[in-house]
């Protein structure tokens, strides 16, 4: 999901952006104990689904395709959000919040929502209005304005202050670089020109400036995946559901279950050694 400044809802339709920001703030009020949700977004969303009396499964699975960040779909009354476990942790957060928006819309409009596939489109395809809204919702949910204003109490003016601000947002809220830049722009902490320059020059002059401020080490904290991570409990449950719905044969389901059990036993043996 390569984010372009011109594709931001804030730039294209400010009124719609404010409506989405209000929606994100209202969602946050449903579970104030999860106010800082960068590290426990999955628990926050599961709590939201429970409050609304619906069955939602959030799965982390390797897609073997870094262009695909996440999926949202509904099947037989159960909602699914599936996140690519092979993309970086901060991208996983953005993808999860993005798909959460589509889940909320599906609940509000009470219909079977078409499958959403979130991809890194590299700026080559114009985003649909719903995906623009989902992106805006994601950043507003992950980086609430009131918390950012607590962090940045003075005007950001120098190049070093701007870079430090971007670093802080990435670290505190566990989001990618471009997401942090755009959120600072939305909140008036960066001008359009500044934000555009940071996005465009990330591979040239700005990269050098970031390196001077030890940004490379800082970025590595969240910009990596948990390699080949799979939530084994979720995977076992998914296999059972696929068998129950006859999406896969009983023989294939049995082989998959045996494989999961084999992985679990290897992990247990490794822990005991």
Protein backbone atom coordinates (compact mmCIF):
# COMPACT_ATOMS: atom_id res chain seq x y z
CA UNK A 1 0.00 0.00 0.00
CA UNK A 2 2.34 2.69 -1.22
CA UNK A 3 0.89 5.94 0.10
CA UNK A 4 0.95 9.04 -2.11
CA UNK A 5 0.28 12.49 -0.70
CA UNK A 6 -2.05 13.38 -3.57
CA UNK A 7 -4.07 10.22 -2.88
CA UNK A 8 -4.72 11.11 0.76
CA UNK A 9 -8.34 11.75 1.65
CA UNK A 10 -7.14 14.84 3.54
CA UNK A 11 -5.82 16.34 0.29
CA UNK A 12 -8.75 15.32 -1.90
CA UNK A 13 -11.79 15.71 0.34
CA UNK A 14 -11.20 17.43 3.69
CA UNK A 15 -14.84 17.12 4.79
CA UNK A 16 -14.82 13.36 4.27
CA UNK A 17 -11.49 13.16 6.06
CA UNK A 18 -12.92 14.87 9.16
CA UNK A 19 -15.84 12.44 9.12
CA UNK A 20 -13.42 9.52 9.04
CA UNK A 21 -11.29 11.06 11.80
CA UNK A 22 -14.41 11.40 13.95
CA UNK A 23 -15.30 7.78 13.22
CA UNK A 24 -11.84 6.64 14.36
CA UNK A 25 -12.10 8.74 17.54
CA UNK A 26 -15.53 7.29 18.31
CA UNK A 27 -14.22 3.76 17.82
CA UNK A 28 -11.37 4.50 20.24
CA UNK A 29 -13.93 5.57 22.85
CA UNK A 30 -15.48 2.08 22.79
CA UNK A 31 -12.46 0.63 24.63
CA UNK A 32 -10.47 3.36 26.42
CA UNK A 33 -8.19 0.80 28.04
CA UNK A 34 -6.66 0.25 24.60
CA UNK A 35 -5.84 3.95 24.11
CA UNK A 36 -2.31 3.25 22.87
CA UNK A 37 -3.10 0.46 20.48
CA UNK A 38 0.01 0.10 18.32
CA UNK A 39 1.13 -3.03 20.13
CA UNK A 40 -2.27 -4.54 20.94
CA UNK A 41 -4.39 -3.65 17.92
CA UNK A 42 -5.53 -7.25 17.45
CA UNK A 43 -6.94 -7.34 21.00
CA UNK A 44 -8.63 -3.97 20.44
CA UNK A 45 -10.37 -5.16 17.26
CA UNK A 46 -11.40 -8.50 18.80
CA UNK A 47 -12.90 -6.58 21.72
CA UNK A 48 -14.81 -4.36 19.27
CA UNK A 49 -16.22 -7.41 17.48
CA UNK A 50 -17.27 -8.97 20.79
CA UNK A 51 -19.06 -5.75 21.80
CA UNK A 52 -21.03 -5.93 18.55
CA UNK A 53 -21.87 -9.60 18.97
CA UNK A 54 -20.19 -10.83 15.79
CA UNK A 55 -17.64 -13.53 15.08
CA UNK A 56 -14.37 -12.12 13.72
CA UNK A 57 -11.19 -14.08 13.14
CA UNK A 58 -7.86 -12.31 12.74
CA UNK A 59 -5.21 -14.52 11.20
CA UNK A 60 -1.51 -13.95 10.50
CA UNK A 61 -0.28 -16.15 7.67
CA UNK A 62 2.66 -16.02 5.22
CA UNK A 63 1.38 -15.03 1.77
CA UNK A 64 4.73 -15.47 0.01
CA UNK A 65 3.96 -12.16 -1.69
CA UNK A 66 5.07 -8.91 -0.06
CA UNK A 67 2.84 -6.92 -2.40
CA UNK A 68 -0.23 -8.25 -0.58
CA UNK A 69 -0.61 -6.79 2.89
CA UNK A 70 -3.99 -8.09 4.01
CA UNK A 71 -7.44 -9.45 3.21
CA UNK A 72 -10.93 -8.88 4.54
CA UNK A 73 -13.92 -11.04 3.70
CA UNK A 74 -17.04 -12.62 5.18
CA UNK A 75 -18.04 -16.23 4.84
CA UNK A 76 -21.00 -18.06 6.37
CA UNK A 77 -21.61 -15.32 8.93
CA UNK A 78 -17.98 -15.19 10.05
CA UNK A 79 -15.74 -12.23 9.28
CA UNK A 80 -12.07 -12.76 8.49
CA UNK A 81 -9.12 -10.39 8.51
CA UNK A 82 -5.94 -12.05 7.27
CA UNK A 83 -2.61 -10.23 7.54
CA UNK A 84 0.56 -11.15 5.70
CA UNK A 85 2.97 -12.25 8.41
CA UNK A 86 5.96 -11.72 6.11
CA UNK A 87 5.69 -7.94 5.88
CA UNK A 88 7.18 -5.67 8.53
CA UNK A 89 5.47 -5.24 11.88
CA UNK A 90 4.57 -1.60 11.29
CA UNK A 91 3.04 -2.46 7.89
CA UNK A 92 1.06 -5.23 9.58
CA UNK A 93 -0.40 -2.64 11.97
CA UNK A 94 -1.44 -0.35 9.12
CA UNK A 95 -2.91 -3.26 7.17
CA UNK A 96 -4.86 -4.48 10.19
CA UNK A 97 -6.29 -1.01 10.91
CA UNK A 98 -7.13 -0.59 7.20
CA UNK A 99 -9.06 -3.88 7.09
CA UNK A 100 -10.71 -2.99 10.41
CA UNK A 101 -12.32 -0.03 8.65
CA UNK A 102 -13.86 -2.34 6.03
CA UNK A 103 -15.11 -4.58 8.85
CA UNK A 104 -16.78 -1.62 10.58
CA UNK A 105 -18.46 -0.52 7.35
CA UNK A 106 -19.74 -4.07 6.80
CA UNK A 107 -21.30 -4.04 10.27
CA UNK A 108 -22.80 -0.57 9.91
CA UNK A 109 -24.33 -1.23 6.51
CA UNK A 110 -25.39 -4.79 7.41
CA UNK A 111 -24.42 -6.47 4.18
CA UNK A 112 -22.03 -9.09 2.96
CA UNK A 113 -18.98 -6.99 2.13
CA UNK A 114 -17.08 -7.93 -0.99
CA UNK A 115 -13.57 -9.20 -0.41
CA UNK A 116 -10.99 -6.45 0.09
CA UNK A 117 -7.40 -7.17 -0.88
CA UNK A 118 -4.90 -4.59 0.35
CA UNK A 119 -1.89 -4.39 -1.96
CA UNK A 120 1.20 -2.26 -2.31
CA UNK A 121 0.23 -0.68 -5.62
CA UNK A 122 3.34 1.45 -5.99
CA UNK A 123 1.35 4.58 -6.80
CA UNK A 124 0.44 3.18 -10.24
CA UNK A 125 -3.27 2.70 -9.53
CA UNK A 126 -5.68 5.30 -8.21
CA UNK A 127 -7.17 4.20 -4.91
CA UNK A 128 -10.92 3.75 -4.63
CA UNK A 129 -12.75 6.15 -2.33
CA UNK A 130 -13.31 3.36 0.18
CA UNK A 131 -9.60 2.54 0.27
CA UNK A 132 -8.77 6.24 0.68
CA UNK A 133 -11.16 6.29 3.64
CA UNK A 134 -9.66 3.08 5.02
CA UNK A 135 -6.16 4.58 4.81
CA UNK A 136 -7.30 7.75 6.57
CA UNK A 137 -9.10 5.73 9.24
CA UNK A 138 -6.00 3.61 9.78
CA UNK A 139 -3.72 6.58 10.45
CA UNK A 140 -6.28 8.36 12.65
CA UNK A 141 -6.87 5.20 14.68
CA UNK A 142 -3.20 4.39 15.11
CA UNK A 143 -2.10 7.99 15.72
CA UNK A 144 -4.88 9.95 17.48
CA UNK A 145 -4.51 13.71 17.18
CA UNK A 146 -4.78 14.38 20.92
CA UNK A 147 -1.89 12.03 21.71
CA UNK A 148 0.28 13.49 18.97
CA UNK A 149 -0.38 16.99 20.28
CA UNK A 150 0.83 15.82 23.68
CA UNK A 151 4.09 14.65 22.12
CA UNK A 152 4.63 17.69 19.91
CA UNK A 153 3.86 20.72 22.04
CA UNK A 154 5.93 23.23 20.08
CA UNK A 155 6.24 24.23 16.47
CA UNK A 156 8.32 21.92 14.30
CA UNK A 157 10.57 24.13 12.23
CA UNK A 158 14.12 22.88 11.64
CA UNK A 159 15.03 19.88 9.50
CA UNK A 160 16.31 18.03 12.55
CA UNK A 161 13.04 18.66 14.45
CA UNK A 162 11.04 17.36 11.51
CA UNK A 163 13.10 14.19 11.26
CA UNK A 164 12.99 13.63 15.01
CA UNK A 165 9.19 14.04 14.88
CA UNK A 166 8.88 11.42 12.16
CA UNK A 167 11.11 9.06 14.15
CA UNK A 168 9.02 9.58 17.28
CA UNK A 169 5.75 8.77 15.53
CA UNK A 170 7.23 5.63 13.99
CA UNK A 171 8.49 4.47 17.36
CA UNK A 172 5.54 5.40 19.58
CA UNK A 173 2.74 4.29 17.28
CA UNK A 174 4.52 1.49 15.35
CA UNK A 175 3.80 2.81 11.86
CA UNK A 176 5.83 3.04 8.63
CA UNK A 177 7.77 6.12 7.59
CA UNK A 178 5.33 7.43 4.97
CA UNK A 179 2.34 6.92 7.25
CA UNK A 180 4.04 9.04 9.92
CA UNK A 181 4.91 11.79 7.41
CA UNK A 182 1.35 11.99 6.10
CA UNK A 183 -0.16 12.06 9.58
CA UNK A 184 2.09 15.00 10.54
CA UNK A 185 0.90 16.73 7.36
CA UNK A 186 -2.76 16.06 8.22
CA UNK A 187 -2.28 17.61 11.66
CA UNK A 188 -0.51 20.70 10.32
CA UNK A 189 2.87 19.73 11.76
CA UNK A 190 4.35 19.55 8.26
CA UNK A 191 3.39 21.64 5.25
CA UNK A 192 2.31 19.95 2.03
CA UNK A 193 5.64 20.90 0.48
CA UNK A 194 7.64 19.50 3.40
CA UNK A 195 5.68 16.26 3.48
CA UNK A 196 5.97 15.85 -0.28
CA UNK A 197 9.71 16.45 -0.11
CA UNK A 198 10.17 13.89 2.66
CA UNK A 199 8.24 11.28 0.68
CA UNK A 200 9.94 11.98 -2.64
CA UNK A 201 13.48 12.26 -1.35
CA UNK A 202 13.53 9.33 1.06
CA UNK A 203 16.04 7.57 -1.20
CA UNK A 204 18.36 10.56 -1.72
CA UNK A 205 19.10 13.67 0.38
CA UNK A 206 16.64 12.90 3.17
CA UNK A 207 18.06 9.40 3.46
CA UNK A 208 21.48 10.93 4.18
CA UNK A 209 20.00 13.29 6.76
CA UNK A 210 18.22 10.39 8.43
CA UNK A 211 21.42 8.37 8.53
CA UNK A 212 23.26 11.24 10.23
CA UNK A 213 20.66 11.15 13.00
CA UNK A 214 21.10 7.39 13.46
CA UNK A 215 17.76 6.82 11.77
CA UNK A 216 18.87 3.56 10.19
CA UNK A 217 19.18 1.88 13.58
CA UNK A 218 15.90 3.39 14.71
CA UNK A 219 14.00 2.20 11.64
CA UNK A 220 15.07 -1.40 12.12
CA UNK A 221 13.12 -1.70 15.36
CA UNK A 222 9.75 -2.09 13.65
CA UNK A 223 10.61 -2.46 9.98
CA UNK A 224 11.04 -6.20 9.92
CA UNK A 225 8.63 -9.12 9.90
CA UNK A 226 8.54 -11.99 12.35
CA UNK A 227 9.93 -14.31 9.72
CA UNK A 228 7.55 -17.10 8.70
CA UNK A 229 5.42 -16.40 11.78
CA UNK A 230 2.15 -18.28 11.96
CA UNK A 231 -0.29 -18.23 14.86
CA UNK A 232 -0.63 -22.00 15.27
CA UNK A 233 -3.89 -21.80 17.22
CA UNK A 234 -5.45 -19.70 14.48
CA UNK A 235 -4.04 -21.98 11.80
CA UNK A 236 -5.52 -25.09 13.43
CA UNK A 237 -8.88 -23.34 13.72
CA UNK A 238 -8.73 -22.25 10.09
CA UNK A 239 -8.04 -25.82 8.97
CA UNK A 240 -11.05 -27.07 10.92
CA UNK A 241 -13.30 -24.42 9.39
CA UNK A 242 -12.13 -25.18 5.88
CA UNK A 243 -12.93 -28.84 6.48
CA UNK A 244 -16.33 -28.07 8.01
CA UNK A 245 -17.28 -25.83 5.10
CA UNK A 246 -15.97 -28.50 2.69
CA UNK A 247 -13.48 -26.09 1.14
CA UNK A 248 -10.83 -28.78 1.45
CA UNK A 249 -11.11 -32.55 1.64
CA UNK A 250 -10.94 -34.42 4.93
CA UNK A 251 -7.73 -36.10 3.77
CA UNK A 252 -6.06 -32.75 3.09
CA UNK A 253 -7.34 -31.34 6.39
CA UNK A 254 -5.91 -34.33 8.21
CA UNK A 255 -2.51 -33.85 6.58
CA UNK A 256 -2.55 -30.14 7.50
CA UNK A 257 -3.47 -30.89 11.12
CA UNK A 258 -0.66 -33.45 11.35
CA UNK A 259 1.78 -30.89 9.98
CA UNK A 260 0.71 -28.29 12.57
CA UNK A 261 1.04 -30.87 15.34
CA UNK A 262 4.51 -31.77 14.05
CA UNK A 263 5.56 -28.10 14.19
CA UNK A 264 4.20 -27.74 17.72
CA UNK A 265 6.08 -30.82 18.90
CA UNK A 266 9.33 -29.54 17.36
CA UNK A 267 8.89 -26.20 19.12
CA UNK A 268 8.19 -27.90 22.43
CA UNK A 269 11.25 -30.12 22.02
CA UNK A 270 13.38 -27.05 21.21
CA UNK A 271 12.17 -25.29 24.37
CA UNK A 272 12.98 -28.33 26.52
CA UNK A 273 16.48 -28.83 25.08
